PDB file of N, CA and C in Angstrom:
ATOM      1  N   MET A   1      -9.011 -78.779  36.968  1.00  0.00           N
ATOM      2  CA  MET A   1      -9.905 -78.021  37.039  1.00  0.00           C
ATOM      3  C   MET A   1     -11.375 -78.730  36.283  1.00  0.00           C
ATOM      4  N   CYS A   2     -12.212 -77.733  35.516  1.00  0.00           N
ATOM      5  CA  CYS A   2     -13.347 -78.026  35.568  1.00  0.00           C
ATOM      6  C   CYS A   2     -13.150 -77.826  33.257  1.00  0.00           C
ATOM      7  N   ARG A   3     -13.476 -78.566  33.010  1.00  0.00           N
ATOM      8  CA  ARG A   3     -13.844 -78.715  31.941  1.00  0.00           C
ATOM      9  C   ARG A   3     -15.148 -77.986  31.025  1.00  0.00           C
ATOM     10  N   SER A   4     -16.049 -77.377  31.859  1.00  0.00           N
ATOM     11  CA  SER A   4     -17.146 -76.498  31.439  1.00  0.00           C
ATOM     12  C   SER A   4     -16.971 -75.379  31.613  1.00  0.00           C
ATOM     13  N   ILE A   5     -15.105 -74.539  31.869  1.00  0.00           N
ATOM     14  CA  ILE A   5     -15.319 -73.412  31.942  1.00  0.00           C
ATOM     15  C   ILE A   5     -14.675 -72.913  30.842  1.00  0.00           C
ATOM     16  N   LYS A   6     -15.404 -71.725  30.411  1.00  0.00           N
ATOM     17  CA  LYS A   6     -14.829 -71.344  29.135  1.00  0.00           C
ATOM     18  C   LYS A   6     -13.645 -70.409  29.187  1.00  0.00           C
ATOM     19  N   THR A   7     -13.057 -70.389  27.943  1.00  0.00           N
ATOM     20  CA  THR A   7     -12.564 -69.141  27.985  1.00  0.00           C
ATOM     21  C   THR A   7     -12.893 -67.817  28.070  1.00  0.00           C
ATOM     22  N   LEU A   8     -12.430 -66.769  28.408  1.00  0.00           N
ATOM     23  CA  LEU A   8     -13.196 -65.204  28.777  1.00  0.00           C
ATOM     24  C   LEU A   8     -11.767 -64.292  27.895  1.00  0.00           C
ATOM     25  N   ARG A   9     -11.320 -64.452  27.398  1.00  0.00           N
ATOM     26  CA  ARG A   9      -9.822 -63.624  26.814  1.00  0.00           C
ATOM     27  C   ARG A   9     -10.561 -63.211  25.840  1.00  0.00           C
ATOM     28  N   ASP A  10     -11.314 -63.727  24.707  1.00  0.00           N
ATOM     29  CA  ASP A  10     -11.608 -63.370  22.898  1.00  0.00           C
ATOM     30  C   ASP A  10     -13.127 -63.100  23.225  1.00  0.00           C
ATOM     31  N   THR A  11     -13.561 -62.957  24.283  1.00  0.00           N
ATOM     32  CA  THR A  11     -15.364 -62.832  23.988  1.00  0.00           C
ATOM     33  C   THR A  11     -15.856 -61.604  24.702  1.00  0.00           C
ATOM     34  N   GLY A  12     -14.870 -60.759  25.452  1.00  0.00           N
ATOM     35  CA  GLY A  12     -15.424 -59.962  25.746  1.00  0.00           C
ATOM     36  C   GLY A  12     -16.481 -59.946  26.802  1.00  0.00           C
ATOM     37  N   ALA A  13     -15.827 -60.710  27.909  1.00  0.00           N
ATOM     38  CA  ALA A  13     -16.598 -61.048  28.614  1.00  0.00           C
ATOM     39  C   ALA A  13     -17.013 -59.871  29.692  1.00  0.00           C
ATOM     40  N   SER A  14     -18.761 -60.020  30.291  1.00  0.00           N
ATOM     41  CA  SER A  14     -19.388 -59.152  30.746  1.00  0.00           C
ATOM     42  C   SER A  14     -18.647 -59.412  32.584  1.00  0.00           C
ATOM     43  N   ASP A  15     -19.081 -58.417  33.405  1.00  0.00           N
ATOM     44  CA  ASP A  15     -18.628 -58.433  34.587  1.00  0.00           C
ATOM     45  C   ASP A  15     -19.428 -59.847  35.026  1.00  0.00           C
ATOM     46  N   GLU A  16     -20.579 -60.066  34.664  1.00  0.00           N
ATOM     47  CA  GLU A  16     -21.406 -60.928  35.246  1.00  0.00           C
ATOM     48  C   GLU A  16     -20.668 -62.724  34.785  1.00  0.00           C
ATOM     49  N   GLU A  17     -20.298 -62.285  33.366  1.00  0.00           N
ATOM     50  CA  GLU A  17     -19.403 -63.515  33.007  1.00  0.00           C
ATOM     51  C   GLU A  17     -18.029 -63.944  33.688  1.00  0.00           C
ATOM     52  N   ILE A  18     -17.496 -63.126  34.395  1.00  0.00           N
ATOM     53  CA  ILE A  18     -16.057 -62.987  34.897  1.00  0.00           C
ATOM     54  C   ILE A  18     -16.816 -63.429  36.052  1.00  0.00           C
ATOM     55  N   ARG A  19     -17.719 -63.185  36.818  1.00  0.00           N
ATOM     56  CA  ARG A  19     -18.019 -63.607  38.380  1.00  0.00           C
ATOM     57  C   ARG A  19     -18.690 -64.647  38.227  1.00  0.00           C
ATOM     58  N   ALA A  20     -19.488 -65.138  37.207  1.00  0.00           N
ATOM     59  CA  ALA A  20     -19.640 -66.894  37.253  1.00  0.00           C
ATOM     60  C   ALA A  20     -18.807 -67.520  36.851  1.00  0.00           C
ATOM     61  N   ALA A  21     -17.944 -67.119  36.207  1.00  0.00           N
ATOM     62  CA  ALA A  21     -16.411 -68.201  36.385  1.00  0.00           C
ATOM     63  C   ALA A  21     -15.596 -68.377  37.571  1.00  0.00           C
ATOM     64  N   ALA A  22     -15.825 -67.225  38.443  1.00  0.00           N
ATOM     65  CA  ALA A  22     -15.201 -67.237  39.717  1.00  0.00           C
ATOM     66  C   ALA A  22     -16.093 -67.679  40.537  1.00  0.00           C
ATOM     67  N   LEU A  23     -17.201 -67.903  40.827  1.00  0.00           N
ATOM     68  CA  LEU A  23     -18.346 -68.706  41.511  1.00  0.00           C
ATOM     69  C   LEU A  23     -17.352 -69.955  41.028  1.00  0.00           C
ATOM     70  N   GLN A  24     -17.694 -70.187  39.951  1.00  0.00           N
ATOM     71  CA  GLN A  24     -17.373 -71.612  39.552  1.00  0.00           C
ATOM     72  C   GLN A  24     -15.871 -72.057  39.680  1.00  0.00           C
ATOM     73  N   TYR A  25     -14.997 -71.348  40.033  1.00  0.00           N
ATOM     74  CA  TYR A  25     -13.686 -71.855  40.354  1.00  0.00           C
ATOM     75  C   TYR A  25     -13.725 -71.631  41.988  1.00  0.00           C
ATOM     76  N   VAL A  26     -14.380 -70.766  42.682  1.00  0.00           N
ATOM     77  CA  VAL A  26     -14.344 -71.447  44.152  1.00  0.00           C
ATOM     78  C   VAL A  26     -14.952 -72.287  44.253  1.00  0.00           C
ATOM     79  N   ARG A  27     -15.947 -72.787  43.803  1.00  0.00           N
ATOM     80  CA  ARG A  27     -17.123 -73.728  44.310  1.00  0.00           C
ATOM     81  C   ARG A  27     -16.175 -74.922  43.649  1.00  0.00           C
ATOM     82  N   LYS A  28     -14.984 -75.289  42.668  1.00  0.00           N
ATOM     83  CA  LYS A  28     -14.555 -76.115  42.290  1.00  0.00           C
ATOM     84  C   LYS A  28     -13.495 -76.727  43.643  1.00  0.00           C
ATOM     85  N   VAL A  29     -13.124 -75.643  43.507  1.00  0.00           N
ATOM     86  CA  VAL A  29     -11.206 -75.280  45.101  1.00  0.00           C
ATOM     87  C   VAL A  29     -12.064 -75.900  46.284  1.00  0.00           C
ATOM     88  N   SER A  30     -13.199 -74.966  46.602  1.00  0.00           N
ATOM     89  CA  SER A  30     -13.707 -75.128  48.073  1.00  0.00           C
ATOM     90  C   SER A  30     -14.375 -76.578  48.453  1.00  0.00           C
ATOM     91  N   GLY A  31     -14.944 -77.077  47.557  1.00  0.00           N
ATOM     92  CA  GLY A  31     -15.775 -78.315  47.582  1.00  0.00           C
ATOM     93  C   GLY A  31     -17.035 -78.379  47.590  1.00  0.00           C
ATOM     94  N   TYR A  32     -17.305 -76.851  47.991  1.00  0.00           N
ATOM     95  CA  TYR A  32     -18.806 -76.474  48.257  1.00  0.00           C
ATOM     96  C   TYR A  32     -19.521 -75.673  47.174  1.00  0.00           C
ATOM     97  N   ARG A  33     -21.111 -76.495  46.917  1.00  0.00           N
ATOM     98  CA  ARG A  33     -21.941 -75.856  46.198  1.00  0.00           C
ATOM     99  C   ARG A  33     -22.211 -74.495  46.470  1.00  0.00           C
ATOM    100  N   ALA A  34     -22.925 -74.458  47.854  1.00  0.00           N
ATOM    101  CA  ALA A  34     -23.447 -73.743  48.300  1.00  0.00           C
ATOM    102  C   ALA A  34     -22.768 -73.723  50.076  1.00  0.00           C
ATOM    103  N   PRO A  35     -22.113 -73.021  50.453  1.00  0.00           N
ATOM    104  CA  PRO A  35     -21.096 -72.805  51.895  1.00  0.00           C
ATOM    105  C   PRO A  35     -22.118 -72.722  52.835  1.00  0.00           C
ATOM    106  N   SER A  36     -21.592 -73.009  54.300  1.00  0.00           N
ATOM    107  CA  SER A  36     -22.329 -73.029  55.209  1.00  0.00           C
ATOM    108  C   SER A  36     -22.860 -71.886  55.681  1.00  0.00           C
ATOM    109  N   ARG A  37     -23.194 -71.166  56.758  1.00  0.00           N
ATOM    110  CA  ARG A  37     -23.489 -70.228  57.065  1.00  0.00           C
ATOM    111  C   ARG A  37     -22.129 -69.398  57.676  1.00  0.00           C
ATOM    112  N   ALA A  38     -21.335 -70.492  58.372  1.00  0.00           N
ATOM    113  CA  ALA A  38     -20.122 -70.392  59.010  1.00  0.00           C
ATOM    114  C   ALA A  38     -19.275 -69.862  57.608  1.00  0.00           C
ATOM    115  N   ASN A  39     -19.270 -70.252  56.295  1.00  0.00           N
ATOM    116  CA  ASN A  39     -18.309 -69.964  55.596  1.00  0.00           C
ATOM    117  C   ASN A  39     -19.066 -69.177  54.639  1.00  0.00           C
ATOM    118  N   ALA A  40     -19.953 -68.746  54.435  1.00  0.00           N
ATOM    119  CA  ALA A  40     -20.399 -67.675  53.398  1.00  0.00           C
ATOM    120  C   ALA A  40     -19.506 -67.028  53.247  1.00  0.00           C
ATOM    121  N   ALA A  41     -19.353 -66.391  54.398  1.00  0.00           N
ATOM    122  CA  ALA A  41     -18.563 -64.781  54.123  1.00  0.00           C
ATOM    123  C   ALA A  41     -17.083 -65.046  53.608  1.00  0.00           C
ATOM    124  N   ALA A  42     -16.428 -65.972  53.956  1.00  0.00           N
ATOM    125  CA  ALA A  42     -15.288 -66.322  53.058  1.00  0.00           C
ATOM    126  C   ALA A  42     -15.405 -66.848  52.299  1.00  0.00           C
ATOM    127  N   PHE A  43     -16.202 -67.509  51.819  1.00  0.00           N
ATOM    128  CA  PHE A  43     -16.570 -67.647  50.329  1.00  0.00           C
ATOM    129  C   PHE A  43     -17.097 -67.014  49.244  1.00  0.00           C
ATOM    130  N   GLU A  44     -17.454 -65.609  49.889  1.00  0.00           N
ATOM    131  CA  GLU A  44     -17.936 -64.834  49.325  1.00  0.00           C
ATOM    132  C   GLU A  44     -16.867 -63.294  48.578  1.00  0.00           C
ATOM    133  N   ALA A  45     -16.461 -63.615  49.886  1.00  0.00           N
ATOM    134  CA  ALA A  45     -14.893 -62.880  49.611  1.00  0.00           C
ATOM    135  C   ALA A  45     -13.886 -63.197  48.656  1.00  0.00           C
ATOM    136  N   ALA A  46     -14.092 -64.480  48.625  1.00  0.00           N
ATOM    137  CA  ALA A  46     -12.991 -65.410  47.979  1.00  0.00           C
ATOM    138  C   ALA A  46     -13.799 -65.377  46.297  1.00  0.00           C
ATOM    139  N   VAL A  47     -15.029 -65.182  46.078  1.00  0.00           N
ATOM    140  CA  VAL A  47     -15.681 -64.766  44.650  1.00  0.00           C
ATOM    141  C   VAL A  47     -15.221 -63.427  43.916  1.00  0.00           C
ATOM    142  N   GLU A  48     -15.394 -62.629  44.973  1.00  0.00           N
ATOM    143  CA  GLU A  48     -15.238 -61.343  44.710  1.00  0.00           C
ATOM    144  C   GLU A  48     -13.646 -60.953  44.233  1.00  0.00           C
ATOM    145  N   GLU A  49     -12.357 -61.529  45.440  1.00  0.00           N
ATOM    146  CA  GLU A  49     -11.096 -61.188  44.997  1.00  0.00           C
ATOM    147  C   GLU A  49     -10.828 -61.921  43.413  1.00  0.00           C
ATOM    148  N   ILE A  50     -11.117 -63.188  43.422  1.00  0.00           N
ATOM    149  CA  ILE A  50     -11.111 -64.102  42.122  1.00  0.00           C
ATOM    150  C   ILE A  50     -11.922 -62.949  40.877  1.00  0.00           C
ATOM    151  N   ALA A  51     -12.741 -62.447  41.074  1.00  0.00           N
ATOM    152  CA  ALA A  51     -13.227 -61.938  40.091  1.00  0.00           C
ATOM    153  C   ALA A  51     -12.669 -60.539  39.666  1.00  0.00           C
ATOM    154  N   ASP A  52     -12.026 -59.818  40.612  1.00  0.00           N
ATOM    155  CA  ASP A  52     -11.564 -58.808  40.301  1.00  0.00           C
ATOM    156  C   ASP A  52      -9.759 -58.655  39.664  1.00  0.00           C
ATOM    157  N   ALA A  53      -9.390 -59.986  40.473  1.00  0.00           N
ATOM    158  CA  ALA A  53      -8.239 -60.572  39.856  1.00  0.00           C
ATOM    159  C   ALA A  53      -8.115 -60.995  38.454  1.00  0.00           C
ATOM    160  N   SER A  54      -9.696 -61.895  38.173  1.00  0.00           N
ATOM    161  CA  SER A  54      -9.716 -61.764  36.720  1.00  0.00           C
ATOM    162  C   SER A  54      -9.997 -60.818  35.944  1.00  0.00           C
ATOM    163  N   ALA A  55     -10.421 -59.863  36.177  1.00  0.00           N
ATOM    164  CA  ALA A  55     -11.263 -58.811  35.356  1.00  0.00           C
ATOM    165  C   ALA A  55      -9.752 -57.843  34.791  1.00  0.00           C
ATOM    166  N   ARG A  56      -8.476 -57.767  36.194  1.00  0.00           N
ATOM    167  CA  ARG A  56      -7.788 -57.409  35.952  1.00  0.00           C
ATOM    168  C   ARG A  56      -7.168 -57.622  34.575  1.00  0.00           C
ATOM    169  N   LEU A  57      -6.900 -58.979  34.732  1.00  0.00           N
ATOM    170  CA  LEU A  57      -5.985 -59.982  34.037  1.00  0.00           C
ATOM    171  C   LEU A  57      -6.484 -59.423  32.699  1.00  0.00           C
ATOM    172  N   LEU A  58      -7.753 -59.891  32.527  1.00  0.00           N
ATOM    173  CA  LEU A  58      -8.113 -59.733  30.958  1.00  0.00           C
ATOM    174  C   LEU A  58      -8.112 -58.213  30.722  1.00  0.00           C
ATOM    175  N   ASP A  59      -8.102 -57.275  31.687  1.00  0.00           N
ATOM    176  CA  ASP A  59      -7.810 -56.041  31.024  1.00  0.00           C
ATOM    177  C   ASP A  59      -6.658 -55.571  30.617  1.00  0.00           C
ATOM    178  N   SER A  60      -5.802 -56.087  31.361  1.00  0.00           N
ATOM    179  CA  SER A  60      -3.916 -56.369  31.006  1.00  0.00           C
ATOM    180  C   SER A  60      -3.786 -56.984  29.920  1.00  0.00           C
ATOM    181  N   LEU A  61      -4.051 -57.984  29.283  1.00  0.00           N
ATOM    182  CA  LEU A  61      -3.741 -58.480  28.095  1.00  0.00           C
ATOM    183  C   LEU A  61      -4.055 -58.121  26.962  1.00  0.00           C
ATOM    184  N   THR A  62      -3.325 -58.241  26.148  1.00  0.00           N
ATOM    185  CA  THR A  62      -2.892 -57.805  24.620  1.00  0.00           C
ATOM    186  C   THR A  62      -2.910 -58.934  23.318  1.00  0.00           C
ATOM    187  N   THR A  63      -3.551 -58.697  22.553  1.00  0.00           N
ATOM    188  CA  THR A  63      -3.492 -59.484  21.091  1.00  0.00           C
ATOM    189  C   THR A  63      -2.695 -58.885  19.936  1.00  0.00           C
ATOM    190  N   ALA A  64      -2.216 -59.933  19.181  1.00  0.00           N
ATOM    191  CA  ALA A  64      -1.533 -58.921  17.999  1.00  0.00           C
ATOM    192  C   ALA A  64      -2.451 -58.593  17.342  1.00  0.00           C
ATOM    193  N   ARG A  65      -3.332 -59.846  17.065  1.00  0.00           N
ATOM    194  CA  ARG A  65      -4.946 -60.352  16.094  1.00  0.00           C
ATOM    195  C   ARG A  65      -6.020 -60.857  16.556  1.00  0.00           C
ATOM    196  N   LYS A  66      -7.094 -59.988  16.218  1.00  0.00           N
ATOM    197  CA  LYS A  66      -8.060 -60.742  16.755  1.00  0.00           C
ATOM    198  C   LYS A  66      -8.362 -62.708  16.191  1.00  0.00           C
ATOM    199  N   ALA A  67      -9.085 -63.101  17.397  1.00  0.00           N
ATOM    200  CA  ALA A  67      -9.074 -64.830  16.961  1.00  0.00           C
ATOM    201  C   ALA A  67      -9.644 -65.691  15.963  1.00  0.00           C
ATOM    202  N   GLY A  68      -9.303 -66.019  15.020  1.00  0.00           N
ATOM    203  CA  GLY A  68     -10.037 -66.727  14.137  1.00  0.00           C
ATOM    204  C   GLY A  68     -10.020 -65.923  13.012  1.00  0.00           C
ATOM    205  N   ASP A  69      -9.091 -64.630  12.869  1.00  0.00           N
ATOM    206  CA  ASP A  69      -9.139 -63.883  11.685  1.00  0.00           C
ATOM    207  C   ASP A  69      -8.323 -64.057  11.082  1.00  0.00           C
ATOM    208  N   PRO A  70      -8.453 -65.206   9.315  1.00  0.00           N
ATOM    209  CA  PRO A  70      -7.453 -65.654   8.715  1.00  0.00           C
ATOM    210  C   PRO A  70      -6.655 -64.722   8.202  1.00  0.00           C
ATOM    211  N   ALA A  71      -7.078 -63.238   7.722  1.00  0.00           N
ATOM    212  CA  ALA A  71      -5.633 -62.103   6.908  1.00  0.00           C
ATOM    213  C   ALA A  71      -4.939 -61.968   8.061  1.00  0.00           C
ATOM    214  N   ALA A  72      -5.072 -62.543   9.424  1.00  0.00           N
ATOM    215  CA  ALA A  72      -3.776 -62.528  10.286  1.00  0.00           C
ATOM    216  C   ALA A  72      -3.220 -63.415  10.756  1.00  0.00           C
ATOM    217  N   GLU A  73      -3.430 -64.463   9.668  1.00  0.00           N
ATOM    218  CA  GLU A  73      -2.761 -65.885  10.262  1.00  0.00           C
ATOM    219  C   GLU A  73      -1.474 -65.678   9.949  1.00  0.00           C
ATOM    220  N   ALA A  74      -0.290 -66.220  10.689  1.00  0.00           N
ATOM    221  CA  ALA A  74       1.224 -65.982  10.151  1.00  0.00           C
ATOM    222  C   ALA A  74       1.492 -66.574   8.793  1.00  0.00           C
ATOM    223  N   PRO A  75       2.051 -65.973   8.011  1.00  0.00           N
ATOM    224  CA  PRO A  75       2.442 -66.329   6.318  1.00  0.00           C
ATOM    225  C   PRO A  75       3.131 -68.250   6.156  1.00  0.00           C
ATOM    226  N   ARG A  76       2.720 -68.979   5.704  1.00  0.00           N
ATOM    227  CA  ARG A  76       3.160 -69.999   5.641  1.00  0.00           C
ATOM    228  C   ARG A  76       4.432 -69.810   4.490  1.00  0.00           C
ATOM    229  N   ARG A  77       5.829 -70.093   4.971  1.00  0.00           N
ATOM    230  CA  ARG A  77       6.426 -70.784   3.873  1.00  0.00           C
ATOM    231  C   ARG A  77       6.249 -70.903   2.500  1.00  0.00           C
ATOM    232  N   PRO A  78       6.542 -70.448   1.403  1.00  0.00           N
ATOM    233  CA  PRO A  78       6.202 -71.437   0.145  1.00  0.00           C
ATOM    234  C   PRO A  78       6.878 -72.398  -0.462  1.00  0.00           C
ATOM    235  N   GLY A  79       6.223 -73.561  -0.948  1.00  0.00           N
ATOM    236  CA  GLY A  79       6.647 -74.181  -1.336  1.00  0.00           C
ATOM    237  C   GLY A  79       7.405 -75.588  -0.356  1.00  0.00           C
ATOM    238  N   ARG A  80       6.668 -75.710   1.038  1.00  0.00           N
ATOM    239  CA  ARG A  80       6.850 -76.460   1.632  1.00  0.00           C
ATOM    240  C   ARG A  80       5.247 -76.953   2.636  1.00  0.00           C
ATOM    241  N   ALA A  81       5.337 -77.956   2.542  1.00  0.00           N
ATOM    242  CA  ALA A  81       4.168 -78.788   2.915  1.00  0.00           C
ATOM    243  C   ALA A  81       4.377 -79.438   4.640  1.00  0.00           C
ATOM    244  N   PRO A  82       2.902 -79.060   5.260  1.00  0.00           N
ATOM    245  CA  PRO A  82       2.725 -78.962   6.359  1.00  0.00           C
ATOM    246  C   PRO A  82       3.542 -80.533   7.084  1.00  0.00           C
ATOM    247  N   ALA A  83       4.290 -80.693   8.147  1.00  0.00           N
ATOM    248  CA  ALA A  83       4.930 -81.771   8.378  1.00  0.00           C
ATOM    249  C   ALA A  83       3.801 -83.036   9.018  1.00  0.00           C
ATOM    250  N   LEU A  84       3.811 -83.894   8.274  1.00  0.00           N
ATOM    251  CA  LEU A  84       3.041 -85.227   8.812  1.00  0.00           C
ATOM    252  C   LEU A  84       3.716 -85.717  10.064  1.00  0.00           C
ATOM    253  N   ARG A  85       3.019 -86.173  11.423  1.00  0.00           N
ATOM    254  CA  ARG A  85       3.587 -87.486  11.939  1.00  0.00           C
ATOM    255  C   ARG A  85       3.631 -88.695  11.680  1.00  0.00           C
ATOM    256  N   PRO A  86       4.532 -89.713  11.908  1.00  0.00           N
ATOM    257  CA  PRO A  86       4.277 -90.532  11.724  1.00  0.00           C
ATOM    258  C   PRO A  86       3.333 -91.374  12.196  1.00  0.00           C
ATOM    259  N   PRO A  87       2.715 -92.752  11.745  1.00  0.00           N
ATOM    260  CA  PRO A  87       1.543 -93.313  12.222  1.00  0.00           C
ATOM    261  C   PRO A  87       1.729 -94.151  13.875  1.00  0.00           C
TER     262      PRO A  87
END
């Protein structure tokens, strides 16, 4: 998958951002940046279906805490140093 696709879950993504991600996905899967007229309807239908599915997914996800909230981090066990990996 493209490395440039950003995670939308914690951003409060707008409909435009969700559609842009769907368009990028369909472009990657289909191999078309812009489809021919013969394929335009199928291409646009796929973008809309993926955008709708993505919006439903984002709406249904729940989180226990806000991303990056240090107060909500899991407490560490006192007196225990983090494990180190051997070189």
